[in-house]
Amino acid sequence: MFGLFALSVLQSILLASGQVLLKFGLANMKPFGWNLVFWRSVFLNWQFAASGVSFGLASILWMYIIKKYPLSMAYPLISLSYVFGLIAAILFFHESVGMIKWLGVFLIMCGCYLIAK
């Protein structure tokens, strides 16, 4: 089932990328309001648009994955997106990650290994 694992890694990277782009995009938006200034900040925000593209590609890939592979194997592998999200938080947002979170990442990776095996 290497194909499933590789596809799940790609899908998880797309999901985590979408979250990172969304966070950057939201930081560049004006405060919500029913006015032109706010909506311009939404529709002219490339990070916000790119997050939608990333989520869209992840969804299309997810449809392919669940059509081709058993859901009982595919669904738990989505948790890899938590691993990539944690790494992205460190790299892009300079967040600190304690040992307990790293233990959680290790356990997620062990679980994914056992499922994909």
N, C-alpha and C. Protein backbone atom coordinates (compact mmCIF):
# COMPACT_ATOMS: atom_id res chain seq x y z
N MET A 1 0.81 -1.21 0.00
CA MET A 1 0.00 0.00 0.00
C MET A 1 0.85 1.27 0.00
N PHE A 2 2.04 1.21 -0.62
CA PHE A 2 2.89 2.40 -0.70
C PHE A 2 2.17 3.52 -1.44
N GLY A 3 1.37 3.17 -2.44
CA GLY A 3 0.63 4.19 -3.19
C GLY A 3 -0.29 5.00 -2.29
N LEU A 4 -0.99 4.32 -1.41
CA LEU A 4 -1.88 5.00 -0.48
C LEU A 4 -1.09 5.93 0.43
N PHE A 5 0.03 5.46 0.94
CA PHE A 5 0.82 6.29 1.85
C PHE A 5 1.35 7.53 1.13
N ALA A 6 1.88 7.36 -0.07
CA ALA A 6 2.41 8.49 -0.83
C ALA A 6 1.30 9.50 -1.16
N LEU A 7 0.15 9.01 -1.57
CA LEU A 7 -0.97 9.91 -1.86
C LEU A 7 -1.45 10.63 -0.60
N SER A 8 -1.45 9.91 0.52
CA SER A 8 -1.87 10.52 1.78
C SER A 8 -0.90 11.60 2.24
N VAL A 9 0.39 11.37 2.02
CA VAL A 9 1.39 12.40 2.35
C VAL A 9 1.14 13.64 1.50
N LEU A 10 0.94 13.46 0.19
CA LEU A 10 0.68 14.60 -0.69
C LEU A 10 -0.60 15.32 -0.29
N GLN A 11 -1.64 14.58 0.01
CA GLN A 11 -2.91 15.19 0.40
C GLN A 11 -2.77 15.93 1.72
N SER A 12 -2.00 15.39 2.65
CA SER A 12 -1.78 16.04 3.94
C SER A 12 -0.95 17.32 3.77
N ILE A 13 0.02 17.29 2.88
CA ILE A 13 0.80 18.50 2.60
C ILE A 13 -0.09 19.58 2.00
N LEU A 14 -0.98 19.19 1.10
CA LEU A 14 -1.91 20.17 0.53
C LEU A 14 -2.83 20.75 1.60
N LEU A 15 -3.31 19.91 2.51
CA LEU A 15 -4.17 20.40 3.60
C LEU A 15 -3.42 21.37 4.51
N ALA A 16 -2.21 21.00 4.91
CA ALA A 16 -1.42 21.86 5.78
C ALA A 16 -1.04 23.15 5.07
N SER A 17 -0.71 23.07 3.79
CA SER A 17 -0.40 24.27 3.01
C SER A 17 -1.60 25.20 2.95
N GLY A 18 -2.77 24.62 2.77
CA GLY A 18 -3.99 25.43 2.75
C GLY A 18 -4.20 26.16 4.06
N GLN A 19 -3.92 25.49 5.17
CA GLN A 19 -4.08 26.14 6.48
C GLN A 19 -3.07 27.27 6.67
N VAL A 20 -1.83 27.04 6.25
CA VAL A 20 -0.80 28.08 6.37
C VAL A 20 -1.17 29.29 5.52
N LEU A 21 -1.56 29.04 4.27
CA LEU A 21 -1.95 30.13 3.38
C LEU A 21 -3.18 30.87 3.91
N LEU A 22 -4.12 30.12 4.48
CA LEU A 22 -5.31 30.75 5.06
C LEU A 22 -4.93 31.66 6.22
N LYS A 23 -4.04 31.21 7.08
CA LYS A 23 -3.60 32.03 8.22
C LYS A 23 -2.92 33.31 7.74
N PHE A 24 -2.04 33.19 6.75
CA PHE A 24 -1.41 34.38 6.18
C PHE A 24 -2.44 35.30 5.53
N GLY A 25 -3.36 34.70 4.79
CA GLY A 25 -4.40 35.48 4.12
C GLY A 25 -5.30 36.23 5.09
N LEU A 26 -5.71 35.56 6.16
CA LEU A 26 -6.57 36.20 7.16
C LEU A 26 -5.85 37.34 7.88
N ALA A 27 -4.55 37.18 8.06
CA ALA A 27 -3.78 38.24 8.71
C ALA A 27 -3.73 39.50 7.85
N ASN A 28 -3.86 39.35 6.54
CA ASN A 28 -3.82 40.49 5.62
C ASN A 28 -5.19 41.09 5.31
N MET A 29 -6.23 40.52 5.86
CA MET A 29 -7.58 41.04 5.61
C MET A 29 -7.91 42.17 6.57
N LYS A 30 -8.77 43.03 6.11
CA LYS A 30 -9.29 44.10 6.96
C LYS A 30 -10.33 43.50 7.91
N PRO A 31 -10.65 44.20 9.00
CA PRO A 31 -11.70 43.71 9.90
C PRO A 31 -13.02 43.55 9.14
N PHE A 32 -13.79 42.52 9.53
CA PHE A 32 -15.03 42.23 8.81
C PHE A 32 -15.97 43.42 8.81
N GLY A 33 -16.58 43.62 7.68
CA GLY A 33 -17.60 44.65 7.54
C GLY A 33 -18.28 44.50 6.21
N TRP A 34 -19.49 45.01 6.12
CA TRP A 34 -20.23 44.95 4.86
C TRP A 34 -19.88 46.20 4.05
N ASN A 35 -18.61 46.31 3.73
CA ASN A 35 -18.16 47.48 2.98
C ASN A 35 -17.14 47.06 1.93
N LEU A 36 -16.87 47.95 1.02
CA LEU A 36 -15.97 47.67 -0.10
C LEU A 36 -14.54 47.41 0.36
N VAL A 37 -14.11 48.09 1.40
CA VAL A 37 -12.74 47.93 1.89
C VAL A 37 -12.50 46.48 2.33
N PHE A 38 -13.45 45.93 3.09
CA PHE A 38 -13.30 44.55 3.53
C PHE A 38 -13.31 43.58 2.36
N TRP A 39 -14.30 43.69 1.48
CA TRP A 39 -14.43 42.73 0.39
C TRP A 39 -13.29 42.84 -0.60
N ARG A 40 -12.73 44.00 -0.76
CA ARG A 40 -11.54 44.15 -1.60
C ARG A 40 -10.37 43.41 -0.96
N SER A 41 -10.27 43.48 0.37
CA SER A 41 -9.18 42.76 1.05
C SER A 41 -9.35 41.25 0.95
N VAL A 42 -10.58 40.80 0.75
CA VAL A 42 -10.84 39.37 0.57
C VAL A 42 -10.47 38.94 -0.85
N PHE A 43 -11.02 39.63 -1.84
CA PHE A 43 -10.90 39.17 -3.21
C PHE A 43 -9.57 39.51 -3.87
N LEU A 44 -8.81 40.41 -3.31
CA LEU A 44 -7.50 40.74 -3.86
C LEU A 44 -6.37 40.14 -3.02
N ASN A 45 -6.70 39.17 -2.21
CA ASN A 45 -5.75 38.54 -1.30
C ASN A 45 -5.27 37.22 -1.92
N TRP A 46 -4.04 37.20 -2.43
CA TRP A 46 -3.57 36.01 -3.14
C TRP A 46 -3.39 34.82 -2.19
N GLN A 47 -3.03 35.06 -0.93
CA GLN A 47 -2.87 33.94 0.00
C GLN A 47 -4.22 33.26 0.28
N PHE A 48 -5.25 34.07 0.40
CA PHE A 48 -6.59 33.54 0.63
C PHE A 48 -7.03 32.70 -0.57
N ALA A 49 -6.80 33.22 -1.77
CA ALA A 49 -7.16 32.48 -2.99
C ALA A 49 -6.33 31.19 -3.10
N ALA A 50 -5.04 31.28 -2.82
CA ALA A 50 -4.17 30.10 -2.90
C ALA A 50 -4.59 29.04 -1.89
N SER A 51 -5.09 29.48 -0.72
CA SER A 51 -5.56 28.49 0.26
C SER A 51 -6.75 27.72 -0.30
N GLY A 52 -7.63 28.42 -1.00
CA GLY A 52 -8.77 27.75 -1.62
C GLY A 52 -8.35 26.75 -2.68
N VAL A 53 -7.35 27.12 -3.47
CA VAL A 53 -6.82 26.20 -4.49
C VAL A 53 -6.21 24.97 -3.81
N SER A 54 -5.45 25.20 -2.76
CA SER A 54 -4.81 24.09 -2.05
C SER A 54 -5.86 23.16 -1.44
N PHE A 55 -6.88 23.73 -0.80
CA PHE A 55 -7.96 22.90 -0.24
C PHE A 55 -8.71 22.17 -1.34
N GLY A 56 -8.92 22.83 -2.47
CA GLY A 56 -9.62 22.20 -3.59
C GLY A 56 -8.85 21.00 -4.14
N LEU A 57 -7.53 21.18 -4.34
CA LEU A 57 -6.70 20.08 -4.81
C LEU A 57 -6.67 18.93 -3.81
N ALA A 58 -6.60 19.28 -2.51
CA ALA A 58 -6.62 18.25 -1.47
C ALA A 58 -7.94 17.47 -1.51
N SER A 59 -9.04 18.16 -1.75
CA SER A 59 -10.35 17.51 -1.81
C SER A 59 -10.46 16.58 -3.01
N ILE A 60 -9.96 17.02 -4.16
CA ILE A 60 -9.99 16.17 -5.36
C ILE A 60 -9.13 14.92 -5.14
N LEU A 61 -7.96 15.12 -4.56
CA LEU A 61 -7.09 13.98 -4.28
C LEU A 61 -7.75 13.04 -3.26
N TRP A 62 -8.43 13.62 -2.27
CA TRP A 62 -9.13 12.80 -1.27
C TRP A 62 -10.22 11.97 -1.93
N MET A 63 -10.94 12.53 -2.88
CA MET A 63 -11.97 11.76 -3.58
C MET A 63 -11.35 10.58 -4.32
N TYR A 64 -10.20 10.79 -4.93
CA TYR A 64 -9.51 9.70 -5.61
C TYR A 64 -9.08 8.63 -4.60
N ILE A 65 -8.52 9.07 -3.48
CA ILE A 65 -8.02 8.13 -2.48
C ILE A 65 -9.15 7.25 -1.95
N ILE A 66 -10.27 7.85 -1.56
CA ILE A 66 -11.33 7.03 -0.96
C ILE A 66 -12.08 6.19 -2.00
N LYS A 67 -11.98 6.57 -3.25
CA LYS A 67 -12.57 5.72 -4.29
C LYS A 67 -11.71 4.47 -4.51
N LYS A 68 -10.40 4.63 -4.42
CA LYS A 68 -9.48 3.54 -4.76
C LYS A 68 -9.09 2.66 -3.58
N TYR A 69 -9.06 3.21 -2.36
CA TYR A 69 -8.54 2.48 -1.20
C TYR A 69 -9.62 2.34 -0.13
N PRO A 70 -9.46 1.35 0.75
CA PRO A 70 -10.43 1.19 1.84
C PRO A 70 -10.42 2.41 2.77
N LEU A 71 -11.58 2.88 3.13
CA LEU A 71 -11.70 4.03 4.01
C LEU A 71 -11.04 3.77 5.36
N SER A 72 -11.11 2.54 5.83
CA SER A 72 -10.52 2.21 7.13
C SER A 72 -9.01 2.38 7.13
N MET A 73 -8.39 2.35 5.97
CA MET A 73 -6.95 2.60 5.88
C MET A 73 -6.68 4.07 5.53
N ALA A 74 -7.48 4.62 4.64
CA ALA A 74 -7.22 5.98 4.14
C ALA A 74 -7.50 7.05 5.19
N TYR A 75 -8.60 6.93 5.89
CA TYR A 75 -9.02 8.01 6.79
C TYR A 75 -8.02 8.30 7.91
N PRO A 76 -7.50 7.29 8.59
CA PRO A 76 -6.53 7.59 9.65
C PRO A 76 -5.25 8.27 9.14
N LEU A 77 -4.91 8.07 7.87
CA LEU A 77 -3.69 8.68 7.34
C LEU A 77 -3.81 10.19 7.15
N ILE A 78 -5.04 10.70 7.21
CA ILE A 78 -5.22 12.16 7.16
C ILE A 78 -4.52 12.82 8.35
N SER A 79 -4.35 12.08 9.42
CA SER A 79 -3.71 12.65 10.61
C SER A 79 -2.27 13.10 10.33
N LEU A 80 -1.70 12.68 9.22
CA LEU A 80 -0.39 13.18 8.83
C LEU A 80 -0.42 14.70 8.63
N SER A 81 -1.58 15.24 8.32
CA SER A 81 -1.67 16.70 8.15
C SER A 81 -1.37 17.43 9.46
N TYR A 82 -1.62 16.78 10.61
CA TYR A 82 -1.27 17.38 11.89
C TYR A 82 0.25 17.51 12.03
N VAL A 83 0.95 16.50 11.54
CA VAL A 83 2.41 16.51 11.60
C VAL A 83 2.94 17.66 10.74
N PHE A 84 2.45 17.75 9.51
CA PHE A 84 2.91 18.81 8.62
C PHE A 84 2.48 20.19 9.12
N GLY A 85 1.32 20.26 9.74
CA GLY A 85 0.87 21.52 10.33
C GLY A 85 1.75 21.98 11.47
N LEU A 86 2.19 21.05 12.28
CA LEU A 86 3.09 21.39 13.39
C LEU A 86 4.43 21.89 12.86
N ILE A 87 4.95 21.21 11.86
CA ILE A 87 6.21 21.63 11.26
C ILE A 87 6.06 23.02 10.62
N ALA A 88 4.94 23.25 9.96
CA ALA A 88 4.68 24.57 9.34
C ALA A 88 4.57 25.66 10.41
N ALA A 89 3.98 25.34 11.55
CA ALA A 89 3.86 26.33 12.64
C ALA A 89 5.24 26.76 13.12
N ILE A 90 6.17 25.83 13.16
CA ILE A 90 7.54 26.14 13.56
C ILE A 90 8.23 26.98 12.49
N LEU A 91 8.13 26.53 11.24
CA LEU A 91 8.87 27.18 10.16
C LEU A 91 8.34 28.56 9.79
N PHE A 92 7.01 28.69 9.70
CA PHE A 92 6.42 29.92 9.19
C PHE A 92 5.98 30.90 10.27
N PHE A 93 5.58 30.38 11.43
CA PHE A 93 5.03 31.25 12.47
C PHE A 93 5.91 31.28 13.72
N HIS A 94 7.02 30.58 13.68
CA HIS A 94 8.02 30.58 14.75
C HIS A 94 7.41 30.23 16.11
N GLU A 95 6.50 29.26 16.08
CA GLU A 95 5.88 28.80 17.32
C GLU A 95 6.80 27.79 18.00
N SER A 96 6.74 27.76 19.31
CA SER A 96 7.54 26.79 20.04
C SER A 96 6.72 25.51 20.23
N VAL A 97 7.40 24.40 20.17
CA VAL A 97 6.74 23.10 20.29
C VAL A 97 7.44 22.31 21.39
N GLY A 98 6.68 21.95 22.40
CA GLY A 98 7.23 21.23 23.54
C GLY A 98 7.33 19.73 23.28
N MET A 99 7.93 19.05 24.23
CA MET A 99 8.16 17.61 24.11
C MET A 99 6.87 16.81 24.02
N ILE A 100 5.83 17.24 24.70
CA ILE A 100 4.56 16.50 24.65
C ILE A 100 3.99 16.52 23.23
N LYS A 101 4.09 17.66 22.55
CA LYS A 101 3.61 17.73 21.17
C LYS A 101 4.45 16.85 20.25
N TRP A 102 5.77 16.84 20.49
CA TRP A 102 6.62 15.96 19.68
C TRP A 102 6.28 14.49 19.94
N LEU A 103 5.93 14.17 21.17
CA LEU A 103 5.49 12.81 21.48
C LEU A 103 4.22 12.48 20.70
N GLY A 104 3.30 13.43 20.65
CA GLY A 104 2.08 13.24 19.87
C GLY A 104 2.37 13.01 18.39
N VAL A 105 3.31 13.77 17.85
CA VAL A 105 3.72 13.59 16.45
C VAL A 105 4.29 12.19 16.25
N PHE A 106 5.13 11.76 17.17
CA PHE A 106 5.71 10.42 17.09
C PHE A 106 4.62 9.35 17.10
N LEU A 107 3.64 9.50 17.98
CA LEU A 107 2.56 8.52 18.07
C LEU A 107 1.71 8.51 16.80
N ILE A 108 1.45 9.70 16.24
CA ILE A 108 0.70 9.77 14.98
C ILE A 108 1.45 9.03 13.88
N MET A 109 2.75 9.28 13.80
CA MET A 109 3.55 8.64 12.76
C MET A 109 3.61 7.12 12.95
N CYS A 110 3.69 6.68 14.20
CA CYS A 110 3.67 5.23 14.47
C CYS A 110 2.34 4.63 14.05
N GLY A 111 1.25 5.31 14.37
CA GLY A 111 -0.07 4.83 13.98
C GLY A 111 -0.24 4.77 12.46
N CYS A 112 0.25 5.78 11.78
CA CYS A 112 0.17 5.78 10.31
C CYS A 112 1.00 4.65 9.72
N TYR A 113 2.15 4.40 10.31
CA TYR A 113 2.99 3.30 9.84
C TYR A 113 2.25 1.97 10.00
N LEU A 114 1.63 1.77 11.15
CA LEU A 114 0.93 0.51 11.39
C LEU A 114 -0.27 0.34 10.46
N ILE A 115 -0.94 1.43 10.15
CA ILE A 115 -2.11 1.35 9.26
C ILE A 115 -1.69 1.08 7.83
N ALA A 116 -0.61 1.74 7.39
CA ALA A 116 -0.15 1.60 6.01
C ALA A 116 0.58 0.28 5.76
N LYS A 117 0.97 -0.39 6.83
CA LYS A 117 1.75 -1.61 6.74
C LYS A 117 0.95 -2.76 6.16
